[in-house]
Amino acid sequence: MVELIEYIAKSLVDEPEKVKVSSQEGEDVNNILLQVSSTDMGKVIGKQGRIAKAIRSILKAVSLKEEIKVNLEIDEIQE
């Protein structure tokens, strides 16, 4: 799933080399942290959060197939 989020994010942003995706697996939830540069935050989130919702919908579909819960957090890289 990390590779999927990384591929989607790198396709959306102007600075794909600054995209970082990390994952923390808990007992019942897999937390994925997507970090992009501050100039690309709007491209990943979209108007009224539509792109972020779409990414989360894709994650939900994949997680239902694999029978795990996934939480996606989007943050900007601290430079």
PDB file of N, CA and C in Angstrom:
ATOM      1  N   MET A   1       0.811  -1.192   0.000  1.00  0.00           N
ATOM      2  CA  MET A   1       0.000   0.000   0.000  1.00  0.00           C
ATOM      3  C   MET A   1       0.857   1.261   0.000  1.00  0.00           C
ATOM      4  N   VAL A   2       2.014   1.189   0.638  1.00  0.00           N
ATOM      5  CA  VAL A   2       2.915   2.332   0.664  1.00  0.00           C
ATOM      6  C   VAL A   2       3.345   2.686  -0.759  1.00  0.00           C
ATOM      7  N   GLU A   3       3.642   1.671  -1.558  1.00  0.00           N
ATOM      8  CA  GLU A   3       4.050   1.912  -2.935  1.00  0.00           C
ATOM      9  C   GLU A   3       2.923   2.548  -3.742  1.00  0.00           C
ATOM     10  N   LEU A   4       1.689   2.140  -3.486  1.00  0.00           N
ATOM     11  CA  LEU A   4       0.534   2.705  -4.179  1.00  0.00           C
ATOM     12  C   LEU A   4       0.375   4.185  -3.860  1.00  0.00           C
ATOM     13  N   ILE A   5       0.455   4.546  -2.581  1.00  0.00           N
ATOM     14  CA  ILE A   5       0.317   5.938  -2.165  1.00  0.00           C
ATOM     15  C   ILE A   5       1.469   6.765  -2.729  1.00  0.00           C
ATOM     16  N   GLU A   6       2.662   6.208  -2.707  1.00  0.00           N
ATOM     17  CA  GLU A   6       3.827   6.919  -3.238  1.00  0.00           C
ATOM     18  C   GLU A   6       3.667   7.177  -4.740  1.00  0.00           C
ATOM     19  N   TYR A   7       3.192   6.198  -5.475  1.00  0.00           N
ATOM     20  CA  TYR A   7       2.981   6.354  -6.914  1.00  0.00           C
ATOM     21  C   TYR A   7       1.933   7.434  -7.205  1.00  0.00           C
ATOM     22  N   ILE A   8       0.827   7.402  -6.487  1.00  0.00           N
ATOM     23  CA  ILE A   8      -0.240   8.387  -6.696  1.00  0.00           C
ATOM     24  C   ILE A   8       0.265   9.787  -6.370  1.00  0.00           C
ATOM     25  N   ALA A   9       0.931   9.935  -5.236  1.00  0.00           N
ATOM     26  CA  ALA A   9       1.407  11.253  -4.810  1.00  0.00           C
ATOM     27  C   ALA A   9       2.452  11.812  -5.780  1.00  0.00           C
ATOM     28  N   LYS A  10       3.378  10.974  -6.210  1.00  0.00           N
ATOM     29  CA  LYS A  10       4.417  11.443  -7.132  1.00  0.00           C
ATOM     30  C   LYS A  10       3.824  11.838  -8.477  1.00  0.00           C
ATOM     31  N   SER A  11       2.704  11.237  -8.852  1.00  0.00           N
ATOM     32  CA  SER A  11       2.039  11.599 -10.100  1.00  0.00           C
ATOM     33  C   SER A  11       1.346  12.954 -10.011  1.00  0.00           C
ATOM     34  N   LEU A  12       1.001  13.377  -8.809  1.00  0.00           N
ATOM     35  CA  LEU A  12       0.239  14.611  -8.625  1.00  0.00           C
ATOM     36  C   LEU A  12       1.098  15.857  -8.420  1.00  0.00           C
ATOM     37  N   VAL A  13       2.263  15.712  -7.818  1.00  0.00           N
ATOM     38  CA  VAL A  13       3.035  16.867  -7.358  1.00  0.00           C
ATOM     39  C   VAL A  13       4.049  17.349  -8.396  1.00  0.00           C
ATOM     40  N   ASP A  14       4.566  18.564  -8.165  1.00  0.00           N
ATOM     41  CA  ASP A  14       5.610  19.134  -9.025  1.00  0.00           C
ATOM     42  C   ASP A  14       7.005  18.676  -8.611  1.00  0.00           C
ATOM     43  N   GLU A  15       7.170  18.342  -7.326  1.00  0.00           N
ATOM     44  CA  GLU A  15       8.470  17.916  -6.810  1.00  0.00           C
ATOM     45  C   GLU A  15       8.374  16.476  -6.288  1.00  0.00           C
ATOM     46  N   PRO A  16       8.366  15.486  -7.187  1.00  0.00           N
ATOM     47  CA  PRO A  16       8.192  14.097  -6.744  1.00  0.00           C
ATOM     48  C   PRO A  16       9.351  13.565  -5.905  1.00  0.00           C
ATOM     49  N   GLU A  17      10.522  14.175  -6.036  1.00  0.00           N
ATOM     50  CA  GLU A  17      11.661  13.699  -5.247  1.00  0.00           C
ATOM     51  C   GLU A  17      11.506  14.023  -3.764  1.00  0.00           C
ATOM     52  N   LYS A  18      10.609  14.933  -3.409  1.00  0.00           N
ATOM     53  CA  LYS A  18      10.400  15.293  -2.009  1.00  0.00           C
ATOM     54  C   LYS A  18       9.265  14.514  -1.352  1.00  0.00           C
ATOM     55  N   VAL A  19       8.609  13.646  -2.077  1.00  0.00           N
ATOM     56  CA  VAL A  19       7.514  12.844  -1.517  1.00  0.00           C
ATOM     57  C   VAL A  19       8.105  11.744  -0.642  1.00  0.00           C
ATOM     58  N   LYS A  20       7.590  11.649   0.583  1.00  0.00           N
ATOM     59  CA  LYS A  20       8.022  10.601   1.505  1.00  0.00           C
ATOM     60  C   LYS A  20       6.784   9.907   2.059  1.00  0.00           C
ATOM     61  N   VAL A  21       6.817   8.591   2.061  1.00  0.00           N
ATOM     62  CA  VAL A  21       5.709   7.806   2.582  1.00  0.00           C
ATOM     63  C   VAL A  21       6.283   6.822   3.592  1.00  0.00           C
ATOM     64  N   SER A  22       5.687   6.814   4.788  1.00  0.00           N
ATOM     65  CA  SER A  22       6.125   5.864   5.808  1.00  0.00           C
ATOM     66  C   SER A  22       4.904   5.166   6.384  1.00  0.00           C
ATOM     67  N   SER A  23       5.133   4.025   6.978  1.00  0.00           N
ATOM     68  CA  SER A  23       4.039   3.218   7.490  1.00  0.00           C
ATOM     69  C   SER A  23       4.372   2.715   8.888  1.00  0.00           C
ATOM     70  N   GLN A  24       3.382   2.754   9.761  1.00  0.00           N
ATOM     71  CA  GLN A  24       3.505   2.178  11.097  1.00  0.00           C
ATOM     72  C   GLN A  24       2.375   1.173  11.267  1.00  0.00           C
ATOM     73  N   GLU A  25       2.732  -0.048  11.531  1.00  0.00           N
ATOM     74  CA  GLU A  25       1.730  -1.079  11.689  1.00  0.00           C
ATOM     75  C   GLU A  25       1.428  -1.275  13.160  1.00  0.00           C
ATOM     76  N   GLY A  26       0.175  -1.102  13.536  1.00  0.00           N
ATOM     77  CA  GLY A  26      -0.272  -1.344  14.894  1.00  0.00           C
ATOM     78  C   GLY A  26      -0.992  -2.676  14.968  1.00  0.00           C
ATOM     79  N   GLU A  27      -1.626  -2.922  16.108  1.00  0.00           N
ATOM     80  CA  GLU A  27      -2.336  -4.184  16.283  1.00  0.00           C
ATOM     81  C   GLU A  27      -3.533  -4.299  15.344  1.00  0.00           C
ATOM     82  N   ASP A  28      -4.319  -3.217  15.249  1.00  0.00           N
ATOM     83  CA  ASP A  28      -5.523  -3.285  14.435  1.00  0.00           C
ATOM     84  C   ASP A  28      -5.584  -2.225  13.331  1.00  0.00           C
ATOM     85  N   VAL A  29      -4.616  -1.289  13.309  1.00  0.00           N
ATOM     86  CA  VAL A  29      -4.631  -0.209  12.322  1.00  0.00           C
ATOM     87  C   VAL A  29      -3.239  -0.029  11.728  1.00  0.00           C
ATOM     88  N   ASN A  30      -3.198   0.165  10.424  1.00  0.00           N
ATOM     89  CA  ASN A  30      -1.955   0.467   9.728  1.00  0.00           C
ATOM     90  C   ASN A  30      -1.975   1.960   9.405  1.00  0.00           C
ATOM     91  N   ASN A  31      -1.101   2.748  10.030  1.00  0.00           N
ATOM     92  CA  ASN A  31      -1.041   4.193   9.819  1.00  0.00           C
ATOM     93  C   ASN A  31      -0.019   4.504   8.731  1.00  0.00           C
ATOM     94  N   ILE A  32      -0.464   5.242   7.711  1.00  0.00           N
ATOM     95  CA  ILE A  32       0.420   5.647   6.623  1.00  0.00           C
ATOM     96  C   ILE A  32       0.544   7.156   6.662  1.00  0.00           C
ATOM     97  N   LEU A  33       1.787   7.648   6.669  1.00  0.00           N
ATOM     98  CA  LEU A  33       2.062   9.082   6.691  1.00  0.00           C
ATOM     99  C   LEU A  33       2.632   9.489   5.342  1.00  0.00           C
ATOM    100  N   LEU A  34       1.933  10.402   4.669  1.00  0.00           N
ATOM    101  CA  LEU A  34       2.367  10.943   3.393  1.00  0.00           C
ATOM    102  C   LEU A  34       2.871  12.353   3.626  1.00  0.00           C
ATOM    103  N   GLN A  35       4.134  12.600   3.271  1.00  0.00           N
ATOM    104  CA  GLN A  35       4.728  13.920   3.432  1.00  0.00           C
ATOM    105  C   GLN A  35       5.112  14.466   2.071  1.00  0.00           C
ATOM    106  N   VAL A  36       4.667  15.698   1.804  1.00  0.00           N
ATOM    107  CA  VAL A  36       5.002  16.389   0.557  1.00  0.00           C
ATOM    108  C   VAL A  36       5.486  17.789   0.904  1.00  0.00           C
ATOM    109  N   SER A  37       6.104  18.475  -0.061  1.00  0.00           N
ATOM    110  CA  SER A  37       6.568  19.828   0.200  1.00  0.00           C
ATOM    111  C   SER A  37       5.361  20.755   0.373  1.00  0.00           C
ATOM    112  N   SER A  38       5.591  21.882   1.028  1.00  0.00           N
ATOM    113  CA  SER A  38       4.491  22.800   1.325  1.00  0.00           C
ATOM    114  C   SER A  38       3.867  23.372   0.052  1.00  0.00           C
ATOM    115  N   THR A  39       4.642  23.485  -1.021  1.00  0.00           N
ATOM    116  CA  THR A  39       4.094  24.006  -2.271  1.00  0.00           C
ATOM    117  C   THR A  39       3.173  23.004  -2.969  1.00  0.00           C
ATOM    118  N   ASP A  40       3.313  21.729  -2.636  1.00  0.00           N
ATOM    119  CA  ASP A  40       2.499  20.687  -3.268  1.00  0.00           C
ATOM    120  C   ASP A  40       1.320  20.218  -2.414  1.00  0.00           C
ATOM    121  N   MET A  41       1.143  20.781  -1.253  1.00  0.00           N
ATOM    122  CA  MET A  41       0.047  20.350  -0.367  1.00  0.00           C
ATOM    123  C   MET A  41      -1.314  20.498  -1.042  1.00  0.00           C
ATOM    124  N   GLY A  42      -1.525  21.603  -1.720  1.00  0.00           N
ATOM    125  CA  GLY A  42      -2.806  21.836  -2.377  1.00  0.00           C
ATOM    126  C   GLY A  42      -3.106  20.834  -3.477  1.00  0.00           C
ATOM    127  N   LYS A  43      -2.068  20.368  -4.148  1.00  0.00           N
ATOM    128  CA  LYS A  43      -2.257  19.397  -5.225  1.00  0.00           C
ATOM    129  C   LYS A  43      -2.629  18.023  -4.690  1.00  0.00           C
ATOM    130  N   VAL A  44      -2.132  17.691  -3.512  1.00  0.00           N
ATOM    131  CA  VAL A  44      -2.435  16.391  -2.923  1.00  0.00           C
ATOM    132  C   VAL A  44      -3.796  16.415  -2.230  1.00  0.00           C
ATOM    133  N   ILE A  45      -4.147  17.534  -1.637  1.00  0.00           N
ATOM    134  CA  ILE A  45      -5.421  17.630  -0.929  1.00  0.00           C
ATOM    135  C   ILE A  45      -6.565  17.956  -1.893  1.00  0.00           C
ATOM    136  N   GLY A  46      -6.348  18.885  -2.807  1.00  0.00           N
ATOM    137  CA  GLY A  46      -7.364  19.229  -3.786  1.00  0.00           C
ATOM    138  C   GLY A  46      -8.396  20.192  -3.235  1.00  0.00           C
ATOM    139  N   LYS A  47      -9.263  20.666  -4.109  1.00  0.00           N
ATOM    140  CA  LYS A  47     -10.326  21.586  -3.694  1.00  0.00           C
ATOM    141  C   LYS A  47     -11.292  20.847  -2.781  1.00  0.00           C
ATOM    142  N   GLN A  48     -11.517  21.422  -1.632  1.00  0.00           N
ATOM    143  CA  GLN A  48     -12.411  20.867  -0.610  1.00  0.00           C
ATOM    144  C   GLN A  48     -12.044  19.432  -0.231  1.00  0.00           C
ATOM    145  N   GLY A  49     -10.764  19.072  -0.412  1.00  0.00           N
ATOM    146  CA  GLY A  49     -10.280  17.761   0.007  1.00  0.00           C
ATOM    147  C   GLY A  49     -10.690  16.612  -0.893  1.00  0.00           C
ATOM    148  N   ARG A  50     -11.082  16.905  -2.117  1.00  0.00           N
ATOM    149  CA  ARG A  50     -11.583  15.853  -3.009  1.00  0.00           C
ATOM    150  C   ARG A  50     -10.519  14.837  -3.387  1.00  0.00           C
ATOM    151  N   ILE A  51      -9.300  15.293  -3.665  1.00  0.00           N
ATOM    152  CA  ILE A  51      -8.240  14.356  -4.048  1.00  0.00           C
ATOM    153  C   ILE A  51      -7.845  13.492  -2.849  1.00  0.00           C
ATOM    154  N   ALA A  52      -7.751  14.106  -1.677  1.00  0.00           N
ATOM    155  CA  ALA A  52      -7.423  13.342  -0.468  1.00  0.00           C
ATOM    156  C   ALA A  52      -8.506  12.296  -0.192  1.00  0.00           C
ATOM    157  N   LYS A  53      -9.763  12.660  -0.381  1.00  0.00           N
ATOM    158  CA  LYS A  53     -10.859  11.703  -0.190  1.00  0.00           C
ATOM    159  C   LYS A  53     -10.761  10.556  -1.192  1.00  0.00           C
ATOM    160  N   ALA A  54     -10.389  10.883  -2.434  1.00  0.00           N
ATOM    161  CA  ALA A  54     -10.255   9.844  -3.453  1.00  0.00           C
ATOM    162  C   ALA A  54      -9.121   8.881  -3.115  1.00  0.00           C
ATOM    163  N   ILE A  55      -8.011   9.416  -2.637  1.00  0.00           N
ATOM    164  CA  ILE A  55      -6.886   8.557  -2.233  1.00  0.00           C
ATOM    165  C   ILE A  55      -7.306   7.663  -1.079  1.00  0.00           C
ATOM    166  N   ARG A  56      -8.028   8.232  -0.116  1.00  0.00           N
ATOM    167  CA  ARG A  56      -8.501   7.431   1.022  1.00  0.00           C
ATOM    168  C   ARG A  56      -9.498   6.365   0.576  1.00  0.00           C
ATOM    169  N   SER A  57     -10.315   6.659  -0.424  1.00  0.00           N
ATOM    170  CA  SER A  57     -11.257   5.672  -0.950  1.00  0.00           C
ATOM    171  C   SER A  57     -10.530   4.499  -1.594  1.00  0.00           C
ATOM    172  N   ILE A  58      -9.472   4.801  -2.327  1.00  0.00           N
ATOM    173  CA  ILE A  58      -8.663   3.738  -2.920  1.00  0.00           C
ATOM    174  C   ILE A  58      -8.035   2.883  -1.829  1.00  0.00           C
ATOM    175  N   LEU A  59      -7.510   3.535  -0.804  1.00  0.00           N
ATOM    176  CA  LEU A  59      -6.920   2.794   0.318  1.00  0.00           C
ATOM    177  C   LEU A  59      -7.952   1.919   1.013  1.00  0.00           C
ATOM    178  N   LYS A  60      -9.158   2.449   1.160  1.00  0.00           N
ATOM    179  CA  LYS A  60     -10.211   1.678   1.825  1.00  0.00           C
ATOM    180  C   LYS A  60     -10.556   0.430   1.022  1.00  0.00           C
ATOM    181  N   ALA A  61     -10.623   0.566  -0.301  1.00  0.00           N
ATOM    182  CA  ALA A  61     -10.917  -0.588  -1.153  1.00  0.00           C
ATOM    183  C   ALA A  61      -9.833  -1.656  -1.037  1.00  0.00           C
ATOM    184  N   VAL A  62      -8.584  -1.229  -1.043  1.00  0.00           N
ATOM    185  CA  VAL A  62      -7.470  -2.175  -0.922  1.00  0.00           C
ATOM    186  C   VAL A  62      -7.455  -2.808   0.462  1.00  0.00           C
ATOM    187  N   SER A  63      -7.722  -1.998   1.494  1.00  0.00           N
ATOM    188  CA  SER A  63      -7.686  -2.528   2.855  1.00  0.00           C
ATOM    189  C   SER A  63      -8.822  -3.509   3.112  1.00  0.00           C
ATOM    190  N   LEU A  64      -9.985  -3.319   2.493  1.00  0.00           N
ATOM    191  CA  LEU A  64     -11.083  -4.277   2.644  1.00  0.00           C
ATOM    192  C   LEU A  64     -10.713  -5.618   2.029  1.00  0.00           C
ATOM    193  N   LYS A  65     -10.000  -5.555   0.912  1.00  0.00           N
ATOM    194  CA  LYS A  65      -9.569  -6.787   0.258  1.00  0.00           C
ATOM    195  C   LYS A  65      -8.562  -7.540   1.120  1.00  0.00           C
ATOM    196  N   GLU A  66      -7.673  -6.791   1.797  1.00  0.00           N
ATOM    197  CA  GLU A  66      -6.651  -7.408   2.630  1.00  0.00           C
ATOM    198  C   GLU A  66      -7.098  -7.576   4.087  1.00  0.00           C
ATOM    199  N   GLU A  67      -8.310  -7.120   4.399  1.00  0.00           N
ATOM    200  CA  GLU A  67      -8.923  -7.247   5.730  1.00  0.00           C
ATOM    201  C   GLU A  67      -8.093  -6.588   6.828  1.00  0.00           C
ATOM    202  N   ILE A  68      -7.647  -5.345   6.573  1.00  0.00           N
ATOM    203  CA  ILE A  68      -6.972  -4.550   7.589  1.00  0.00           C
ATOM    204  C   ILE A  68      -7.532  -3.139   7.556  1.00  0.00           C
ATOM    205  N   LYS A  69      -7.333  -2.390   8.617  1.00  0.00           N
ATOM    206  CA  LYS A  69      -7.757  -0.998   8.662  1.00  0.00           C
ATOM    207  C   LYS A  69      -6.553  -0.113   8.363  1.00  0.00           C
ATOM    208  N   VAL A  70      -6.800   0.942   7.585  1.00  0.00           N
ATOM    209  CA  VAL A  70      -5.721   1.833   7.182  1.00  0.00           C
ATOM    210  C   VAL A  70      -6.137   3.268   7.463  1.00  0.00           C
ATOM    211  N   ASN A  71      -5.192   4.047   7.997  1.00  0.00           N
ATOM    212  CA  ASN A  71      -5.402   5.465   8.268  1.00  0.00           C
ATOM    213  C   ASN A  71      -4.332   6.240   7.508  1.00  0.00           C
ATOM    214  N   LEU A  72      -4.754   7.234   6.703  1.00  0.00           N
ATOM    215  CA  LEU A  72      -3.804   8.038   5.935  1.00  0.00           C
ATOM    216  C   LEU A  72      -3.730   9.437   6.516  1.00  0.00           C
ATOM    217  N   GLU A  73      -2.519   9.874   6.812  1.00  0.00           N
ATOM    218  CA  GLU A  73      -2.274  11.233   7.267  1.00  0.00           C
ATOM    219  C   GLU A  73      -1.422  11.940   6.228  1.00  0.00           C
ATOM    220  N   ILE A  74      -1.810  13.182   5.902  1.00  0.00           N
ATOM    221  CA  ILE A  74      -1.049  13.978   4.926  1.00  0.00           C
ATOM    222  C   ILE A  74      -0.448  15.156   5.672  1.00  0.00           C
ATOM    223  N   ASP A  75       0.859  15.331   5.506  1.00  0.00           N
ATOM    224  CA  ASP A  75       1.581  16.386   6.219  1.00  0.00           C
ATOM    225  C   ASP A  75       2.611  17.001   5.287  1.00  0.00           C
ATOM    226  N   GLU A  76       3.059  18.197   5.625  1.00  0.00           N
ATOM    227  CA  GLU A  76       4.107  18.802   4.817  1.00  0.00           C
ATOM    228  C   GLU A  76       5.471  18.521   5.433  1.00  0.00           C
ATOM    229  N   ILE A  77       6.480  18.437   4.586  1.00  0.00           N
ATOM    230  CA  ILE A  77       7.845  18.173   5.038  1.00  0.00           C
ATOM    231  C   ILE A  77       8.382  19.402   5.746  1.00  0.00           C
ATOM    232  N   GLN A  78       8.973  19.198   6.893  1.00  0.00           N
ATOM    233  CA  GLN A  78       9.608  20.291   7.635  1.00  0.00           C
ATOM    234  C   GLN A  78      10.996  20.498   7.084  1.00  0.00           C
ATOM    235  N   GLU A  79      11.203  21.622   6.413  1.00  0.00           N
ATOM    236  CA  GLU A  79      12.502  21.876   5.785  1.00  0.00           C
ATOM    237  C   GLU A  79      13.339  22.820   6.591  1.00  0.00           C
TER     238      GLU A  79
END
